[in-house]
């Protein structure tokens, strides 16, 4: 997968189109990523059954997984949303590269 944990991405489709966020988690086998602040769903947390301690029920918003094809990497050098390619560096290692500015990512 070309997007990794810790990368900054731009959501390009869906209800959160245009949202930028950091990748919290990846699921490479299914091709999904978890983006901070995007694809939020409301989860209802019930109150304790005994009602001890004054706890009450609440609704919290949590990010859920989205398909990796719905996000583009934001290049750290040029700051633009870009596709990711690969190229070989001076040491002979294969590394990710920005398709717009042709510079290495990482």
N, C-alpha and C. Protein backbone atom coordinates (compact mmCIF):
# COMPACT_ATOMS: atom_id res chain seq x y z
N UNK A 1 0.85 -1.17 0.00
CA UNK A 1 0.00 0.00 0.00
C UNK A 1 0.90 1.24 0.00
N UNK A 2 0.53 2.25 -0.73
CA UNK A 2 1.39 3.40 -0.93
C UNK A 2 1.23 4.47 0.14
N UNK A 3 0.17 4.39 0.92
CA UNK A 3 -0.05 5.33 2.03
C UNK A 3 0.22 4.58 3.32
N UNK A 4 0.98 5.22 4.22
CA UNK A 4 1.39 4.58 5.46
C UNK A 4 0.90 5.36 6.67
N UNK A 5 0.99 4.72 7.82
CA UNK A 5 0.61 5.34 9.08
C UNK A 5 1.47 6.58 9.31
N UNK A 6 0.84 7.67 9.70
CA UNK A 6 1.56 8.92 9.96
C UNK A 6 1.56 9.88 8.78
N UNK A 7 1.17 9.43 7.59
CA UNK A 7 1.11 10.30 6.42
C UNK A 7 -0.06 11.26 6.53
N UNK A 8 0.10 12.44 5.95
CA UNK A 8 -0.99 13.41 5.87
C UNK A 8 -1.68 13.20 4.53
N UNK A 9 -3.01 13.06 4.54
CA UNK A 9 -3.75 12.77 3.32
C UNK A 9 -4.90 13.76 3.13
N UNK A 10 -5.38 13.82 1.89
CA UNK A 10 -6.54 14.62 1.52
C UNK A 10 -7.61 13.67 1.05
N UNK A 11 -8.82 13.78 1.62
CA UNK A 11 -9.94 12.93 1.20
C UNK A 11 -10.49 13.52 -0.09
N UNK A 12 -10.61 12.70 -1.15
CA UNK A 12 -11.00 13.21 -2.47
C UNK A 12 -12.42 12.85 -2.87
N UNK A 13 -13.06 11.92 -2.16
CA UNK A 13 -14.44 11.57 -2.46
C UNK A 13 -15.22 11.33 -1.18
N UNK A 14 -16.53 11.31 -1.30
CA UNK A 14 -17.38 10.98 -0.16
C UNK A 14 -17.87 12.20 0.59
N UNK A 15 -18.48 11.96 1.73
CA UNK A 15 -19.09 13.04 2.51
C UNK A 15 -18.07 14.00 3.11
N UNK A 16 -16.82 13.55 3.26
CA UNK A 16 -15.77 14.38 3.83
C UNK A 16 -14.78 14.87 2.78
N UNK A 17 -15.24 15.03 1.55
CA UNK A 17 -14.37 15.48 0.47
C UNK A 17 -13.72 16.81 0.83
N UNK A 18 -12.40 16.89 0.65
CA UNK A 18 -11.66 18.11 0.95
C UNK A 18 -11.06 18.13 2.35
N UNK A 19 -11.37 17.15 3.17
CA UNK A 19 -10.84 17.08 4.53
C UNK A 19 -9.40 16.56 4.51
N UNK A 20 -8.55 17.21 5.31
CA UNK A 20 -7.18 16.75 5.47
C UNK A 20 -7.01 16.15 6.85
N UNK A 21 -6.23 15.10 6.95
CA UNK A 21 -5.98 14.49 8.24
C UNK A 21 -4.82 13.52 8.18
N UNK A 22 -4.41 13.08 9.35
CA UNK A 22 -3.30 12.15 9.46
C UNK A 22 -3.83 10.72 9.51
N UNK A 23 -3.11 9.80 8.89
CA UNK A 23 -3.50 8.39 8.89
C UNK A 23 -3.16 7.82 10.26
N UNK A 24 -4.18 7.31 10.95
CA UNK A 24 -4.01 6.75 12.29
C UNK A 24 -3.64 5.28 12.21
N UNK A 25 -4.27 4.57 11.28
CA UNK A 25 -4.07 3.12 11.19
C UNK A 25 -4.30 2.69 9.75
N UNK A 26 -3.64 1.61 9.34
CA UNK A 26 -3.85 1.05 8.01
C UNK A 26 -4.23 -0.42 8.12
N UNK A 27 -4.98 -0.88 7.13
CA UNK A 27 -5.33 -2.29 7.01
C UNK A 27 -4.95 -2.71 5.59
N UNK A 28 -3.68 -3.09 5.38
CA UNK A 28 -3.19 -3.35 4.03
C UNK A 28 -3.86 -4.51 3.31
N UNK A 29 -4.27 -5.52 4.06
CA UNK A 29 -4.88 -6.68 3.39
C UNK A 29 -6.21 -6.35 2.73
N UNK A 30 -6.93 -5.40 3.28
CA UNK A 30 -8.22 -5.03 2.70
C UNK A 30 -8.17 -3.68 2.01
N UNK A 31 -7.02 -2.99 2.06
CA UNK A 31 -6.85 -1.72 1.37
C UNK A 31 -7.63 -0.58 1.98
N UNK A 32 -7.61 -0.48 3.32
CA UNK A 32 -8.36 0.56 4.00
C UNK A 32 -7.45 1.32 4.96
N UNK A 33 -7.83 2.60 5.20
CA UNK A 33 -7.09 3.44 6.12
C UNK A 33 -8.05 4.12 7.08
N UNK A 34 -7.53 4.53 8.23
CA UNK A 34 -8.29 5.25 9.24
C UNK A 34 -7.69 6.65 9.31
N UNK A 35 -8.49 7.68 8.93
CA UNK A 35 -8.00 9.05 8.86
C UNK A 35 -8.60 9.86 10.00
N UNK A 36 -7.75 10.59 10.69
CA UNK A 36 -8.19 11.40 11.82
C UNK A 36 -9.10 12.52 11.32
N UNK A 37 -10.31 12.61 11.88
CA UNK A 37 -11.26 13.67 11.55
C UNK A 37 -12.07 13.43 10.28
N UNK A 38 -11.97 12.27 9.68
CA UNK A 38 -12.72 11.97 8.45
C UNK A 38 -13.50 10.69 8.62
N UNK A 39 -14.63 10.58 7.92
CA UNK A 39 -15.49 9.40 7.94
C UNK A 39 -15.95 9.09 9.37
N UNK A 40 -16.45 10.12 10.05
CA UNK A 40 -16.88 9.99 11.43
C UNK A 40 -18.28 9.38 11.53
N UNK A 41 -18.47 8.50 12.49
CA UNK A 41 -19.79 7.93 12.79
C UNK A 41 -20.08 8.15 14.26
N UNK A 42 -21.35 8.24 14.60
CA UNK A 42 -21.74 8.43 15.99
C UNK A 42 -21.96 7.09 16.65
N UNK A 43 -21.38 6.90 17.82
CA UNK A 43 -21.56 5.68 18.58
C UNK A 43 -22.25 6.04 19.89
N UNK A 44 -23.30 5.29 20.20
CA UNK A 44 -24.06 5.54 21.42
C UNK A 44 -23.48 4.71 22.56
N UNK A 45 -23.12 5.37 23.64
CA UNK A 45 -22.59 4.71 24.82
C UNK A 45 -23.69 4.72 25.87
N UNK A 46 -24.18 3.56 26.28
CA UNK A 46 -25.26 3.54 27.27
C UNK A 46 -24.75 3.88 28.67
N UNK A 47 -25.66 4.34 29.52
CA UNK A 47 -25.32 4.60 30.92
C UNK A 47 -25.15 3.27 31.64
N UNK A 48 -24.47 3.31 32.75
CA UNK A 48 -24.31 2.10 33.55
C UNK A 48 -25.67 1.61 34.00
N UNK A 49 -25.83 0.31 34.07
CA UNK A 49 -27.13 -0.27 34.45
C UNK A 49 -27.51 0.08 35.88
N UNK A 50 -26.50 0.22 36.74
CA UNK A 50 -26.78 0.50 38.15
C UNK A 50 -26.92 1.99 38.43
N UNK A 51 -26.52 2.84 37.52
CA UNK A 51 -26.57 4.30 37.65
C UNK A 51 -25.73 4.81 38.82
N UNK A 52 -24.71 4.06 39.22
CA UNK A 52 -23.85 4.51 40.31
C UNK A 52 -22.83 5.51 39.78
N UNK A 53 -22.51 6.47 40.61
CA UNK A 53 -21.49 7.43 40.25
C UNK A 53 -21.98 8.52 39.32
N UNK A 54 -23.25 8.59 39.04
CA UNK A 54 -23.80 9.65 38.21
C UNK A 54 -23.44 9.57 36.74
N UNK A 55 -23.11 8.39 36.24
CA UNK A 55 -22.79 8.25 34.82
C UNK A 55 -24.05 8.36 33.98
N UNK A 56 -23.94 9.00 32.86
CA UNK A 56 -25.06 9.13 31.94
C UNK A 56 -24.63 8.63 30.57
N UNK A 57 -25.60 8.30 29.75
CA UNK A 57 -25.30 7.86 28.40
C UNK A 57 -24.82 9.03 27.55
N UNK A 58 -24.10 8.72 26.50
CA UNK A 58 -23.60 9.77 25.63
C UNK A 58 -23.39 9.25 24.21
N UNK A 59 -23.22 10.20 23.29
CA UNK A 59 -22.89 9.87 21.90
C UNK A 59 -21.52 10.42 21.61
N UNK A 60 -20.65 9.57 21.07
CA UNK A 60 -19.32 10.03 20.69
C UNK A 60 -19.11 9.79 19.21
N UNK A 61 -18.24 10.60 18.61
CA UNK A 61 -17.93 10.43 17.20
C UNK A 61 -16.58 9.74 17.06
N UNK A 62 -16.55 8.69 16.26
CA UNK A 62 -15.35 7.92 16.03
C UNK A 62 -15.06 7.84 14.53
N UNK A 63 -13.79 7.89 14.12
CA UNK A 63 -13.49 7.68 12.70
C UNK A 63 -13.58 6.19 12.38
N UNK A 64 -14.04 5.88 11.17
CA UNK A 64 -14.10 4.50 10.71
C UNK A 64 -13.21 4.35 9.47
N UNK A 65 -12.94 3.11 9.12
CA UNK A 65 -12.07 2.84 7.98
C UNK A 65 -12.71 3.30 6.68
N UNK A 66 -11.85 3.77 5.77
CA UNK A 66 -12.29 4.15 4.42
C UNK A 66 -11.31 3.53 3.43
N UNK A 67 -11.76 3.41 2.20
CA UNK A 67 -10.93 2.82 1.17
C UNK A 67 -9.75 3.74 0.86
N UNK A 68 -8.59 3.15 0.66
CA UNK A 68 -7.38 3.92 0.41
C UNK A 68 -7.46 4.70 -0.90
N UNK A 69 -8.29 4.25 -1.83
CA UNK A 69 -8.42 4.95 -3.11
C UNK A 69 -9.19 6.26 -2.97
N UNK A 70 -9.81 6.49 -1.83
CA UNK A 70 -10.56 7.73 -1.60
C UNK A 70 -9.70 8.83 -1.00
N UNK A 71 -8.40 8.60 -0.89
CA UNK A 71 -7.50 9.60 -0.31
C UNK A 71 -6.24 9.73 -1.15
N UNK A 72 -5.68 10.96 -1.15
CA UNK A 72 -4.42 11.22 -1.83
C UNK A 72 -3.41 11.71 -0.81
N UNK A 73 -2.17 11.29 -0.98
CA UNK A 73 -1.10 11.70 -0.09
C UNK A 73 -0.76 13.17 -0.33
N UNK A 74 -0.51 13.92 0.75
CA UNK A 74 -0.03 15.29 0.63
C UNK A 74 1.49 15.25 0.78
N UNK A 75 2.17 15.68 -0.26
CA UNK A 75 3.63 15.62 -0.30
C UNK A 75 4.23 16.56 0.76
N UNK A 76 5.15 16.07 1.59
CA UNK A 76 5.76 16.94 2.60
C UNK A 76 6.64 18.05 2.00
N UNK A 77 7.19 17.83 0.80
CA UNK A 77 8.07 18.84 0.21
C UNK A 77 7.29 19.94 -0.51
N UNK A 78 6.37 19.55 -1.41
CA UNK A 78 5.67 20.57 -2.21
C UNK A 78 4.31 20.94 -1.63
N UNK A 79 3.77 20.14 -0.71
CA UNK A 79 2.51 20.46 -0.05
C UNK A 79 1.27 20.24 -0.90
N UNK A 80 1.39 19.54 -2.02
CA UNK A 80 0.25 19.30 -2.90
C UNK A 80 -0.23 17.86 -2.76
N UNK A 81 -1.53 17.65 -3.01
CA UNK A 81 -2.08 16.29 -3.02
C UNK A 81 -1.58 15.61 -4.28
N UNK A 82 -1.01 14.43 -4.13
CA UNK A 82 -0.34 13.79 -5.26
C UNK A 82 -0.51 12.29 -5.22
N UNK A 83 -0.25 11.67 -6.35
CA UNK A 83 -0.16 10.22 -6.40
C UNK A 83 1.24 9.83 -5.94
N UNK A 84 1.40 8.58 -5.59
CA UNK A 84 2.68 8.11 -5.09
C UNK A 84 3.28 7.13 -6.08
N UNK A 85 4.54 7.34 -6.41
CA UNK A 85 5.26 6.42 -7.26
C UNK A 85 6.45 5.87 -6.51
N UNK A 86 7.24 5.08 -7.17
CA UNK A 86 8.44 4.52 -6.55
C UNK A 86 9.63 4.80 -7.43
N UNK A 87 10.77 5.02 -6.79
CA UNK A 87 12.02 5.16 -7.53
C UNK A 87 13.15 4.63 -6.65
N UNK A 88 14.29 4.41 -7.26
CA UNK A 88 15.44 3.85 -6.56
C UNK A 88 16.38 5.00 -6.19
N UNK A 89 16.80 5.04 -4.92
CA UNK A 89 17.69 6.11 -4.48
C UNK A 89 19.16 5.75 -4.72
N UNK A 90 20.09 6.58 -4.19
CA UNK A 90 21.51 6.39 -4.43
C UNK A 90 22.04 5.07 -3.86
N UNK A 91 21.42 4.62 -2.77
CA UNK A 91 21.87 3.39 -2.11
C UNK A 91 21.30 2.13 -2.77
N UNK A 92 20.45 2.32 -3.76
CA UNK A 92 19.85 1.18 -4.44
C UNK A 92 18.58 0.69 -3.78
N UNK A 93 18.01 1.48 -2.85
CA UNK A 93 16.77 1.10 -2.17
C UNK A 93 15.56 1.69 -2.87
N UNK A 94 14.50 0.94 -2.91
CA UNK A 94 13.24 1.39 -3.50
C UNK A 94 12.51 2.25 -2.48
N UNK A 95 12.17 3.50 -2.87
CA UNK A 95 11.50 4.42 -1.96
C UNK A 95 10.34 5.11 -2.64
N UNK A 96 9.40 5.62 -1.84
CA UNK A 96 8.25 6.34 -2.38
C UNK A 96 8.69 7.70 -2.92
N UNK A 97 8.05 8.14 -4.00
CA UNK A 97 8.38 9.43 -4.61
C UNK A 97 7.10 10.15 -5.01
N UNK A 98 7.14 11.47 -4.91
CA UNK A 98 6.01 12.33 -5.31
C UNK A 98 5.96 12.38 -6.82
N UNK A 99 4.76 12.23 -7.40
CA UNK A 99 4.61 12.29 -8.85
C UNK A 99 4.66 13.73 -9.38
N UNK A 100 4.44 14.74 -8.51
CA UNK A 100 4.44 16.12 -8.97
C UNK A 100 5.83 16.76 -8.92
N UNK A 101 6.50 16.64 -7.77
CA UNK A 101 7.81 17.31 -7.65
C UNK A 101 8.98 16.34 -7.82
N UNK A 102 8.70 15.04 -7.96
CA UNK A 102 9.71 14.00 -8.21
C UNK A 102 10.70 13.80 -7.06
N UNK A 103 10.39 14.33 -5.87
CA UNK A 103 11.29 14.18 -4.73
C UNK A 103 10.87 12.96 -3.91
N UNK A 104 11.85 12.40 -3.17
CA UNK A 104 11.61 11.25 -2.33
C UNK A 104 10.76 11.62 -1.12
N UNK A 105 9.86 10.72 -0.73
CA UNK A 105 9.06 10.90 0.46
C UNK A 105 9.69 10.03 1.55
N UNK A 106 9.89 10.57 2.73
CA UNK A 106 10.49 9.93 3.91
C UNK A 106 11.87 10.43 4.14
